[in-house]
Amino acid sequence: METDKIKKLEDIRVLSGKLLNALKPADDKRGMYNAEIRVYDYCELGSVVRNLMKLCIIALDQDSAEVPPTIENQYIDVGLILGIALQLFPVDEFEFLNEITDLFSEETE
């Protein structure tokens, strides 16, 4: 029984090393983590930030539900924002949770 628990802990350690990779520890030692997004250049990064800000403006001012006319280029690139969200979505971490669930469901069988 004890060796089975040790094996499961070792399996969890190996799985976590392979699958828990969406967050990287920050260098500042405050217990914070970094999540990474990939962009082609500063223009794309600027576009991401501008589109996020436009979405926030609309979310804050639901009565008018449009980007104020004072903002140049009012088009919101929702596809770009969703692409960033997909980059940040922790697919490997969900796989890790499935593996852990499988490990412990074997115990109850």
N, C-alpha and C. Protein backbone atom coordinates (compact mmCIF):
# COMPACT_ATOMS: atom_id res chain seq x y z
N MET A 1 0.82 -1.19 0.00
CA MET A 1 0.00 0.00 0.00
C MET A 1 0.87 1.26 0.00
N GLU A 2 1.89 1.28 0.86
CA GLU A 2 2.78 2.45 0.95
C GLU A 2 3.58 2.63 -0.34
N THR A 3 4.04 1.53 -0.94
CA THR A 3 4.79 1.64 -2.19
C THR A 3 3.90 2.14 -3.32
N ASP A 4 2.60 1.80 -3.27
CA ASP A 4 1.66 2.30 -4.27
C ASP A 4 1.52 3.82 -4.16
N LYS A 5 1.46 4.33 -2.94
CA LYS A 5 1.37 5.78 -2.73
C LYS A 5 2.64 6.48 -3.20
N ILE A 6 3.78 5.87 -2.92
CA ILE A 6 5.05 6.44 -3.36
C ILE A 6 5.11 6.48 -4.88
N LYS A 7 4.65 5.41 -5.53
CA LYS A 7 4.63 5.38 -7.00
C LYS A 7 3.72 6.47 -7.55
N LYS A 8 2.55 6.65 -6.94
CA LYS A 8 1.64 7.70 -7.40
C LYS A 8 2.25 9.08 -7.24
N LEU A 9 2.93 9.30 -6.13
CA LEU A 9 3.59 10.59 -5.93
C LEU A 9 4.68 10.81 -6.98
N GLU A 10 5.42 9.78 -7.29
CA GLU A 10 6.45 9.89 -8.33
C GLU A 10 5.80 10.16 -9.69
N ASP A 11 4.69 9.48 -9.97
CA ASP A 11 3.97 9.72 -11.23
C ASP A 11 3.50 11.17 -11.30
N ILE A 12 2.99 11.69 -10.20
CA ILE A 12 2.53 13.09 -10.16
C ILE A 12 3.71 14.04 -10.40
N ARG A 13 4.84 13.75 -9.79
CA ARG A 13 6.03 14.59 -9.97
C ARG A 13 6.45 14.61 -11.44
N VAL A 14 6.47 13.45 -12.08
CA VAL A 14 6.86 13.37 -13.49
C VAL A 14 5.85 14.10 -14.37
N LEU A 15 4.57 13.86 -14.12
CA LEU A 15 3.52 14.53 -14.90
C LEU A 15 3.58 16.04 -14.73
N SER A 16 3.78 16.50 -13.51
CA SER A 16 3.82 17.94 -13.29
C SER A 16 5.00 18.58 -14.01
N GLY A 17 6.11 17.87 -14.08
CA GLY A 17 7.26 18.39 -14.82
C GLY A 17 6.99 18.51 -16.31
N LYS A 18 6.18 17.59 -16.84
CA LYS A 18 5.88 17.60 -18.27
C LYS A 18 4.72 18.52 -18.63
N LEU A 19 3.72 18.63 -17.75
CA LEU A 19 2.47 19.27 -18.14
C LEU A 19 2.17 20.61 -17.48
N LEU A 20 2.78 20.91 -16.37
CA LEU A 20 2.51 22.20 -15.72
C LEU A 20 3.51 23.23 -16.22
N ASN A 21 3.20 23.83 -17.37
CA ASN A 21 4.17 24.76 -17.95
C ASN A 21 3.57 26.08 -18.42
N ALA A 22 2.31 26.35 -18.12
CA ALA A 22 1.72 27.63 -18.54
C ALA A 22 2.26 28.79 -17.70
N LEU A 23 2.61 28.52 -16.47
CA LEU A 23 3.13 29.56 -15.58
C LEU A 23 4.59 29.29 -15.29
N LYS A 24 5.38 30.35 -15.38
CA LYS A 24 6.80 30.27 -15.04
C LYS A 24 7.04 31.15 -13.81
N PRO A 25 7.80 30.67 -12.83
CA PRO A 25 8.05 31.50 -11.65
C PRO A 25 8.74 32.81 -12.04
N ALA A 26 8.26 33.91 -11.45
CA ALA A 26 8.88 35.22 -11.70
C ALA A 26 10.21 35.28 -10.95
N ASP A 27 11.10 36.12 -11.42
CA ASP A 27 12.43 36.23 -10.83
C ASP A 27 12.45 37.02 -9.52
N ASP A 28 11.34 37.64 -9.15
CA ASP A 28 11.36 38.57 -8.01
C ASP A 28 11.14 37.91 -6.65
N LYS A 29 10.99 36.62 -6.59
CA LYS A 29 10.88 35.87 -5.32
C LYS A 29 9.69 36.27 -4.46
N ARG A 30 8.62 36.80 -5.07
CA ARG A 30 7.43 37.17 -4.31
C ARG A 30 6.32 36.13 -4.46
N GLY A 31 6.64 35.00 -5.04
CA GLY A 31 5.63 33.97 -5.23
C GLY A 31 4.74 34.21 -6.44
N MET A 32 5.14 35.12 -7.30
CA MET A 32 4.36 35.44 -8.49
C MET A 32 4.84 34.59 -9.67
N TYR A 33 3.99 34.51 -10.69
CA TYR A 33 4.32 33.75 -11.89
C TYR A 33 4.12 34.62 -13.12
N ASN A 34 4.75 34.24 -14.22
CA ASN A 34 4.59 34.90 -15.50
C ASN A 34 3.85 33.96 -16.45
N ALA A 35 2.91 34.52 -17.20
CA ALA A 35 2.25 33.80 -18.29
C ALA A 35 2.72 34.48 -19.57
N GLU A 36 3.05 33.69 -20.56
CA GLU A 36 3.66 34.23 -21.77
C GLU A 36 2.67 34.24 -22.92
N ILE A 37 2.69 35.33 -23.69
CA ILE A 37 1.98 35.36 -24.96
C ILE A 37 3.01 35.62 -26.05
N ARG A 38 2.75 35.07 -27.22
CA ARG A 38 3.68 35.23 -28.33
C ARG A 38 3.07 36.20 -29.34
N VAL A 39 3.85 37.17 -29.73
CA VAL A 39 3.44 38.12 -30.76
C VAL A 39 4.56 38.23 -31.77
N TYR A 40 4.21 38.67 -32.97
CA TYR A 40 5.21 38.79 -34.03
C TYR A 40 6.13 40.00 -33.83
N ASP A 41 5.56 41.09 -33.34
CA ASP A 41 6.36 42.31 -33.20
C ASP A 41 5.63 43.30 -32.30
N TYR A 42 6.22 44.48 -32.14
CA TYR A 42 5.62 45.50 -31.29
C TYR A 42 4.28 45.98 -31.84
N CYS A 43 4.12 45.99 -33.14
CA CYS A 43 2.84 46.41 -33.73
C CYS A 43 1.72 45.47 -33.32
N GLU A 44 1.98 44.17 -33.36
CA GLU A 44 0.95 43.22 -32.95
C GLU A 44 0.67 43.36 -31.45
N LEU A 45 1.70 43.53 -30.66
CA LEU A 45 1.50 43.73 -29.22
C LEU A 45 0.65 44.97 -28.96
N GLY A 46 0.97 46.05 -29.67
CA GLY A 46 0.17 47.27 -29.53
C GLY A 46 -1.27 47.05 -29.94
N SER A 47 -1.47 46.29 -31.00
CA SER A 47 -2.82 45.98 -31.46
C SER A 47 -3.59 45.18 -30.42
N VAL A 48 -2.93 44.23 -29.80
CA VAL A 48 -3.57 43.43 -28.75
C VAL A 48 -4.01 44.34 -27.60
N VAL A 49 -3.11 45.19 -27.15
CA VAL A 49 -3.42 46.07 -26.03
C VAL A 49 -4.55 47.03 -26.40
N ARG A 50 -4.50 47.62 -27.59
CA ARG A 50 -5.56 48.55 -28.02
C ARG A 50 -6.92 47.84 -28.09
N ASN A 51 -6.93 46.64 -28.64
CA ASN A 51 -8.20 45.91 -28.76
C ASN A 51 -8.74 45.51 -27.39
N LEU A 52 -7.87 45.13 -26.49
CA LEU A 52 -8.32 44.82 -25.12
C LEU A 52 -8.92 46.06 -24.47
N MET A 53 -8.28 47.20 -24.67
CA MET A 53 -8.78 48.44 -24.09
C MET A 53 -10.14 48.82 -24.69
N LYS A 54 -10.30 48.63 -25.99
CA LYS A 54 -11.59 48.93 -26.63
C LYS A 54 -12.69 48.03 -26.08
N LEU A 55 -12.38 46.74 -25.91
CA LEU A 55 -13.37 45.84 -25.33
C LEU A 55 -13.74 46.26 -23.92
N CYS A 56 -12.77 46.72 -23.16
CA CYS A 56 -13.04 47.18 -21.80
C CYS A 56 -13.92 48.43 -21.81
N ILE A 57 -13.67 49.33 -22.74
CA ILE A 57 -14.50 50.55 -22.86
C ILE A 57 -15.95 50.15 -23.09
N ILE A 58 -16.17 49.23 -24.00
CA ILE A 58 -17.54 48.78 -24.28
C ILE A 58 -18.14 48.09 -23.06
N ALA A 59 -17.35 47.28 -22.38
CA ALA A 59 -17.85 46.57 -21.20
C ALA A 59 -18.22 47.55 -20.09
N LEU A 60 -17.47 48.63 -19.95
CA LEU A 60 -17.76 49.61 -18.91
C LEU A 60 -18.96 50.49 -19.24
N ASP A 61 -19.16 50.76 -20.52
CA ASP A 61 -20.24 51.65 -20.94
C ASP A 61 -21.24 50.86 -21.77
N GLN A 62 -21.98 49.98 -21.11
CA GLN A 62 -22.88 49.08 -21.82
C GLN A 62 -24.07 49.80 -22.43
N ASP A 63 -24.39 50.99 -21.94
CA ASP A 63 -25.53 51.72 -22.49
C ASP A 63 -25.28 52.12 -23.94
N SER A 64 -24.09 52.61 -24.22
CA SER A 64 -23.81 53.02 -25.60
C SER A 64 -23.31 51.85 -26.43
N ALA A 65 -22.65 50.89 -25.80
CA ALA A 65 -22.16 49.66 -26.45
C ALA A 65 -21.43 49.92 -27.76
N GLU A 66 -20.62 50.96 -27.79
CA GLU A 66 -19.78 51.20 -28.95
C GLU A 66 -18.52 51.94 -28.51
N VAL A 67 -17.51 51.83 -29.32
CA VAL A 67 -16.27 52.54 -29.03
C VAL A 67 -16.51 54.03 -29.27
N PRO A 68 -16.10 54.89 -28.34
CA PRO A 68 -16.32 56.32 -28.52
C PRO A 68 -15.73 56.83 -29.83
N PRO A 69 -16.40 57.78 -30.47
CA PRO A 69 -15.92 58.29 -31.77
C PRO A 69 -14.58 59.00 -31.68
N THR A 70 -14.14 59.35 -30.49
CA THR A 70 -12.85 60.02 -30.35
C THR A 70 -11.68 59.05 -30.54
N ILE A 71 -11.96 57.75 -30.53
CA ILE A 71 -10.90 56.76 -30.70
C ILE A 71 -10.78 56.42 -32.18
N GLU A 72 -9.57 56.63 -32.67
CA GLU A 72 -9.28 56.33 -34.07
C GLU A 72 -9.35 54.81 -34.29
N ASN A 73 -9.79 54.37 -35.43
CA ASN A 73 -9.92 52.95 -35.76
C ASN A 73 -10.76 52.24 -34.71
N GLN A 74 -12.06 52.35 -34.83
CA GLN A 74 -12.98 51.82 -33.84
C GLN A 74 -13.22 50.32 -33.97
N TYR A 75 -12.74 49.72 -35.02
CA TYR A 75 -12.92 48.29 -35.23
C TYR A 75 -12.20 47.50 -34.13
N ILE A 76 -12.88 46.53 -33.56
CA ILE A 76 -12.28 45.67 -32.53
C ILE A 76 -11.99 44.31 -33.16
N ASP A 77 -10.73 43.92 -33.14
CA ASP A 77 -10.32 42.64 -33.71
C ASP A 77 -10.52 41.54 -32.66
N VAL A 78 -11.74 41.02 -32.61
CA VAL A 78 -12.08 40.01 -31.62
C VAL A 78 -11.27 38.73 -31.86
N GLY A 79 -10.98 38.41 -33.11
CA GLY A 79 -10.18 37.23 -33.42
C GLY A 79 -8.79 37.31 -32.78
N LEU A 80 -8.20 38.49 -32.81
CA LEU A 80 -6.89 38.69 -32.19
C LEU A 80 -6.97 38.46 -30.69
N ILE A 81 -7.99 39.00 -30.06
CA ILE A 81 -8.16 38.85 -28.62
C ILE A 81 -8.40 37.38 -28.27
N LEU A 82 -9.23 36.71 -29.05
CA LEU A 82 -9.48 35.28 -28.79
C LEU A 82 -8.22 34.45 -29.01
N GLY A 83 -7.40 34.84 -29.97
CA GLY A 83 -6.13 34.14 -30.19
C GLY A 83 -5.22 34.25 -28.98
N ILE A 84 -5.18 35.42 -28.37
CA ILE A 84 -4.38 35.61 -27.16
C ILE A 84 -4.97 34.76 -26.03
N ALA A 85 -6.29 34.76 -25.91
CA ALA A 85 -6.93 33.95 -24.87
C ALA A 85 -6.59 32.47 -25.06
N LEU A 86 -6.56 32.01 -26.31
CA LEU A 86 -6.19 30.61 -26.57
C LEU A 86 -4.75 30.33 -26.18
N GLN A 87 -3.85 31.29 -26.41
CA GLN A 87 -2.46 31.10 -26.00
C GLN A 87 -2.35 30.95 -24.49
N LEU A 88 -3.18 31.68 -23.77
CA LEU A 88 -3.11 31.65 -22.31
C LEU A 88 -3.89 30.49 -21.70
N PHE A 89 -4.72 29.83 -22.49
CA PHE A 89 -5.53 28.72 -21.97
C PHE A 89 -4.63 27.55 -21.61
N PRO A 90 -4.69 27.07 -20.39
CA PRO A 90 -3.75 26.05 -19.91
C PRO A 90 -4.14 24.61 -20.29
N VAL A 91 -4.02 24.27 -21.56
CA VAL A 91 -4.40 22.94 -22.04
C VAL A 91 -3.62 21.84 -21.34
N ASP A 92 -2.30 22.01 -21.23
CA ASP A 92 -1.48 20.98 -20.58
C ASP A 92 -1.88 20.78 -19.12
N GLU A 93 -2.26 21.86 -18.47
CA GLU A 93 -2.65 21.75 -17.07
C GLU A 93 -3.95 20.95 -16.92
N PHE A 94 -4.85 21.10 -17.88
CA PHE A 94 -6.08 20.30 -17.84
C PHE A 94 -5.76 18.83 -18.09
N GLU A 95 -4.80 18.57 -18.97
CA GLU A 95 -4.37 17.19 -19.18
C GLU A 95 -3.77 16.62 -17.89
N PHE A 96 -3.00 17.44 -17.19
CA PHE A 96 -2.44 17.03 -15.90
C PHE A 96 -3.55 16.64 -14.93
N LEU A 97 -4.59 17.47 -14.86
CA LEU A 97 -5.71 17.16 -13.97
C LEU A 97 -6.38 15.84 -14.35
N ASN A 98 -6.51 15.58 -15.65
CA ASN A 98 -7.06 14.30 -16.09
C ASN A 98 -6.19 13.14 -15.64
N GLU A 99 -4.88 13.29 -15.80
CA GLU A 99 -3.96 12.22 -15.40
C GLU A 99 -4.04 11.97 -13.89
N ILE A 100 -4.11 13.03 -13.11
CA ILE A 100 -4.22 12.89 -11.66
C ILE A 100 -5.54 12.20 -11.31
N THR A 101 -6.61 12.60 -11.98
CA THR A 101 -7.90 11.96 -11.74
C THR A 101 -7.83 10.47 -12.05
N ASP A 102 -7.19 10.14 -13.17
CA ASP A 102 -7.04 8.72 -13.53
C ASP A 102 -6.23 7.96 -12.49
N LEU A 103 -5.16 8.58 -12.01
CA LEU A 103 -4.33 7.93 -10.99
C LEU A 103 -5.14 7.59 -9.74
N PHE A 104 -5.95 8.54 -9.31
CA PHE A 104 -6.69 8.33 -8.07
C PHE A 104 -7.98 7.55 -8.27
N SER A 105 -8.49 7.51 -9.50
CA SER A 105 -9.68 6.69 -9.73
C SER A 105 -9.30 5.21 -9.73
N GLU A 106 -8.05 4.89 -10.08
CA GLU A 106 -7.58 3.51 -9.99
C GLU A 106 -7.61 3.03 -8.55
N GLU A 107 -7.37 3.95 -7.63
CA GLU A 107 -7.33 3.62 -6.21
C GLU A 107 -8.71 3.21 -5.70
N THR A 108 -9.77 3.82 -6.24
CA THR A 108 -11.12 3.53 -5.76
C THR A 108 -11.75 2.32 -6.44
N GLU A 109 -11.13 1.83 -7.49
CA GLU A 109 -11.68 0.67 -8.20
C GLU A 109 -11.37 -0.63 -7.49
